[in-house]
Amino acid sequence: MLNFPFIQTLNKDIDVLGIPLILLYFLVGWPSSILAIYLFPKALTKHR
């Protein structure tokens, strides 16, 4: 999630609530994807 296409796409002069888009990705998008990856195997093992 930290490779050229993501960085190039998010490296725009756009602010969301005063926060640059790329910083918002690092602070919200990346941790939430890590959380989803963490929770997915736990949900699979719970149903077995």
C-alpha atoms as a PDB file:
ATOM      1  CA  MET A   1       0.000   0.000   0.000  1.00  0.00           C
ATOM      2  CA  LEU A   2       3.042   2.219  -0.123  1.00  0.00           C
ATOM      3  CA  ASN A   3       4.057   1.995  -3.750  1.00  0.00           C
ATOM      4  CA  PHE A   4       4.156   4.383  -6.690  1.00  0.00           C
ATOM      5  CA  PRO A   5       0.535   4.165  -7.936  1.00  0.00           C
ATOM      6  CA  PHE A   6      -0.939   4.918  -4.498  1.00  0.00           C
ATOM      7  CA  ILE A   7       1.495   7.713  -3.729  1.00  0.00           C
ATOM      8  CA  GLN A   8       1.133   9.273  -7.183  1.00  0.00           C
ATOM      9  CA  THR A   9      -2.665   9.124  -7.031  1.00  0.00           C
ATOM     10  CA  LEU A  10      -2.830  10.679  -3.582  1.00  0.00           C
ATOM     11  CA  ASN A  11      -0.094  13.284  -4.115  1.00  0.00           C
ATOM     12  CA  LYS A  12      -2.545  16.014  -5.124  1.00  0.00           C
ATOM     13  CA  ASP A  13      -3.102  19.509  -3.821  1.00  0.00           C
ATOM     14  CA  ILE A  14      -6.417  18.499  -2.220  1.00  0.00           C
ATOM     15  CA  ASP A  15      -7.364  19.042   1.413  1.00  0.00           C
ATOM     16  CA  VAL A  16     -10.075  17.137   3.264  1.00  0.00           C
ATOM     17  CA  LEU A  17     -11.155  19.098   6.334  1.00  0.00           C
ATOM     18  CA  GLY A  18      -7.853  20.967   6.131  1.00  0.00           C
ATOM     19  CA  ILE A  19      -5.741  17.791   6.025  1.00  0.00           C
ATOM     20  CA  PRO A  20      -3.751  17.014   2.860  1.00  0.00           C
ATOM     21  CA  LEU A  21      -5.063  13.934   1.067  1.00  0.00           C
ATOM     22  CA  ILE A  22      -1.806  11.961   1.270  1.00  0.00           C
ATOM     23  CA  LEU A  23      -1.502  12.601   5.017  1.00  0.00           C
ATOM     24  CA  LEU A  24      -5.108  11.528   5.511  1.00  0.00           C
ATOM     25  CA  TYR A  25      -4.286   8.285   3.684  1.00  0.00           C
ATOM     26  CA  PHE A  26      -1.323   7.617   5.977  1.00  0.00           C
ATOM     27  CA  LEU A  27      -3.277   8.436   9.139  1.00  0.00           C
ATOM     28  CA  VAL A  28      -6.621   6.771   8.317  1.00  0.00           C
ATOM     29  CA  GLY A  29      -6.504   4.594   5.201  1.00  0.00           C
ATOM     30  CA  TRP A  30      -3.379   2.644   5.915  1.00  0.00           C
ATOM     31  CA  PRO A  31      -4.172   1.770   9.564  1.00  0.00           C
ATOM     32  CA  SER A  32      -7.738   0.815   8.662  1.00  0.00           C
ATOM     33  CA  SER A  33      -6.505  -1.568   5.968  1.00  0.00           C
ATOM     34  CA  ILE A  34      -4.100  -3.128   8.490  1.00  0.00           C
ATOM     35  CA  LEU A  35      -6.990  -3.506  10.928  1.00  0.00           C
ATOM     36  CA  ALA A  36      -9.104  -5.197   8.256  1.00  0.00           C
ATOM     37  CA  ILE A  37      -6.269  -7.607   7.467  1.00  0.00           C
ATOM     38  CA  TYR A  38      -5.947  -8.380  11.184  1.00  0.00           C
ATOM     39  CA  LEU A  39      -9.665  -8.965  11.722  1.00  0.00           C
ATOM     40  CA  PHE A  40     -10.298 -11.066   8.600  1.00  0.00           C
ATOM     41  CA  PRO A  41      -8.430 -14.207   9.753  1.00  0.00           C
ATOM     42  CA  LYS A  42      -9.987 -13.910  13.212  1.00  0.00           C
ATOM     43  CA  ALA A  43     -13.460 -13.942  11.631  1.00  0.00           C
ATOM     44  CA  LEU A  44     -12.567 -16.981   9.526  1.00  0.00           C
ATOM     45  CA  THR A  45     -11.285 -18.992  12.483  1.00  0.00           C
ATOM     46  CA  LYS A  46     -14.303 -18.030  14.602  1.00  0.00           C
ATOM     47  CA  HIS A  47     -16.722 -19.608  12.097  1.00  0.00           C
ATOM     48  CA  ARG A  48     -14.873 -22.923  11.893  1.00  0.00           C
END
